[in-house]
N, C-alpha and C. Protein backbone atom coordinates (compact mmCIF):
# COMPACT_ATOMS: atom_id res chain seq x y z
N UNK A 1 9.32 29.70 41.53
CA UNK A 1 8.67 28.91 42.57
C UNK A 1 9.50 28.94 43.85
N UNK A 2 10.79 28.80 43.73
CA UNK A 2 11.66 28.77 44.90
C UNK A 2 11.65 30.10 45.64
N UNK A 3 11.73 31.20 44.90
CA UNK A 3 11.74 32.52 45.53
C UNK A 3 10.43 32.79 46.27
N UNK A 4 9.32 32.40 45.70
CA UNK A 4 8.02 32.60 46.36
C UNK A 4 7.92 31.77 47.63
N UNK A 5 8.36 30.53 47.57
CA UNK A 5 8.33 29.66 48.75
C UNK A 5 9.24 30.21 49.85
N UNK A 6 10.44 30.64 49.47
CA UNK A 6 11.36 31.20 50.46
C UNK A 6 10.79 32.47 51.08
N UNK A 7 10.17 33.32 50.29
CA UNK A 7 9.57 34.55 50.80
C UNK A 7 8.48 34.24 51.82
N UNK A 8 7.65 33.27 51.53
CA UNK A 8 6.58 32.88 52.46
C UNK A 8 7.18 32.30 53.74
N UNK A 9 8.16 31.40 53.61
CA UNK A 9 8.75 30.78 54.80
C UNK A 9 9.49 31.79 55.67
N UNK A 10 10.26 32.69 55.04
CA UNK A 10 10.95 33.72 55.81
C UNK A 10 9.95 34.66 56.48
N UNK A 11 8.85 34.94 55.83
CA UNK A 11 7.81 35.77 56.44
C UNK A 11 7.21 35.11 57.67
N UNK A 12 6.98 33.82 57.59
CA UNK A 12 6.43 33.07 58.73
C UNK A 12 7.44 33.05 59.89
N UNK A 13 8.70 32.78 59.57
CA UNK A 13 9.73 32.75 60.62
C UNK A 13 9.89 34.12 61.26
N UNK A 14 9.92 35.17 60.45
CA UNK A 14 10.07 36.53 60.98
C UNK A 14 8.91 36.90 61.89
N UNK A 15 7.70 36.45 61.55
CA UNK A 15 6.52 36.79 62.34
C UNK A 15 6.45 35.98 63.65
N UNK A 16 7.07 34.80 63.69
CA UNK A 16 6.96 33.96 64.88
C UNK A 16 8.17 34.09 65.80
N UNK A 17 9.33 33.60 65.37
CA UNK A 17 10.50 33.60 66.26
C UNK A 17 11.53 34.65 65.89
N UNK A 18 11.42 35.25 64.74
CA UNK A 18 12.35 36.29 64.32
C UNK A 18 13.55 35.73 63.57
N UNK A 19 14.17 36.61 62.78
CA UNK A 19 15.31 36.20 61.97
C UNK A 19 16.64 36.71 62.51
N UNK A 20 16.60 37.64 63.43
CA UNK A 20 17.83 38.27 63.89
C UNK A 20 18.03 38.06 65.39
N UNK A 21 19.30 38.13 65.80
CA UNK A 21 19.64 38.04 67.21
C UNK A 21 19.64 39.44 67.81
N UNK A 22 19.62 39.51 69.13
CA UNK A 22 19.66 40.81 69.79
C UNK A 22 21.08 41.38 69.70
N UNK A 23 21.20 42.67 69.94
CA UNK A 23 22.51 43.33 69.90
C UNK A 23 23.43 42.76 70.98
N UNK A 24 22.89 42.44 72.15
CA UNK A 24 23.69 41.88 73.24
C UNK A 24 24.26 40.52 72.85
N UNK A 25 23.43 39.66 72.24
CA UNK A 25 23.91 38.35 71.81
C UNK A 25 24.97 38.48 70.73
N UNK A 26 24.81 39.46 69.87
CA UNK A 26 25.79 39.68 68.82
C UNK A 26 27.13 40.12 69.40
N UNK A 27 27.11 40.95 70.43
CA UNK A 27 28.34 41.44 71.03
C UNK A 27 29.08 40.38 71.85
N UNK A 28 28.34 39.55 72.60
CA UNK A 28 29.02 38.51 73.40
C UNK A 28 29.35 37.28 72.57
N UNK A 29 28.72 37.12 71.43
CA UNK A 29 28.96 35.97 70.57
C UNK A 29 27.82 34.99 70.63
N UNK A 30 27.50 34.41 69.50
CA UNK A 30 26.35 33.50 69.44
C UNK A 30 26.62 32.16 70.12
N UNK A 31 27.88 31.76 70.24
CA UNK A 31 28.16 30.52 70.96
C UNK A 31 27.67 30.62 72.40
N UNK A 32 27.98 31.73 73.05
CA UNK A 32 27.56 31.92 74.44
C UNK A 32 26.06 32.18 74.50
N UNK A 33 25.54 32.99 73.60
CA UNK A 33 24.12 33.33 73.61
C UNK A 33 23.21 32.15 73.35
N UNK A 34 23.62 31.27 72.45
CA UNK A 34 22.77 30.13 72.08
C UNK A 34 23.06 28.88 72.91
N UNK A 35 24.34 28.63 73.21
CA UNK A 35 24.72 27.37 73.84
C UNK A 35 25.25 27.51 75.26
N UNK A 36 25.53 28.75 75.68
CA UNK A 36 26.01 28.98 77.04
C UNK A 36 27.48 28.66 77.25
N UNK A 37 28.25 28.48 76.16
CA UNK A 37 29.67 28.20 76.29
C UNK A 37 30.40 28.67 75.04
N UNK A 38 31.71 28.83 75.15
CA UNK A 38 32.51 29.24 74.01
C UNK A 38 32.87 28.03 73.17
N UNK A 39 32.86 28.19 71.85
CA UNK A 39 33.22 27.09 70.97
C UNK A 39 34.74 26.91 70.90
N UNK A 40 35.47 28.01 70.85
CA UNK A 40 36.92 27.97 70.74
C UNK A 40 37.52 28.70 71.93
N UNK A 41 37.61 28.03 73.06
CA UNK A 41 38.04 28.67 74.30
C UNK A 41 39.48 29.17 74.21
N UNK A 42 40.36 28.50 73.49
CA UNK A 42 41.76 28.89 73.40
C UNK A 42 42.06 29.84 72.25
N UNK A 43 41.07 30.18 71.47
CA UNK A 43 41.28 31.03 70.29
C UNK A 43 41.34 32.49 70.70
N UNK A 44 42.34 33.20 70.19
CA UNK A 44 42.49 34.61 70.54
C UNK A 44 42.82 35.41 69.27
N UNK A 45 42.08 36.49 69.05
CA UNK A 45 42.35 37.35 67.91
C UNK A 45 43.51 38.27 68.25
N UNK A 46 44.48 38.36 67.36
CA UNK A 46 45.63 39.23 67.56
C UNK A 46 45.66 40.27 66.46
N UNK A 47 46.25 41.41 66.78
CA UNK A 47 46.38 42.47 65.79
C UNK A 47 47.36 42.01 64.71
N UNK A 48 47.11 42.38 63.46
CA UNK A 48 48.03 41.97 62.39
C UNK A 48 49.40 42.64 62.56
N UNK A 49 50.44 41.90 62.26
CA UNK A 49 51.78 42.46 62.36
C UNK A 49 52.15 43.15 61.06
N UNK A 50 52.96 44.19 61.17
CA UNK A 50 53.39 44.94 59.99
C UNK A 50 54.88 44.70 59.79
N UNK A 51 55.22 44.13 58.66
CA UNK A 51 56.63 43.88 58.33
C UNK A 51 57.10 44.95 57.35
N UNK A 52 58.20 45.60 57.68
CA UNK A 52 58.76 46.63 56.80
C UNK A 52 59.96 46.13 56.07
C-alpha cells in the first residue's frame, strides 16, 4: 500500500512542479537557489592534509 501511494504521489509531483533542481542551482548550491543566501557563510572546504 505504501509503495503504491508513494508512486502515485511522486508521479503527481513530477508532473506538476518536478522532482529535480536545475544544473545551475545544483552548481551554485540550493541555499542560494532556494533562499537567496548562504546557510554557512563562514564555512570553507579545504583539501585533506596528508601526514607521512
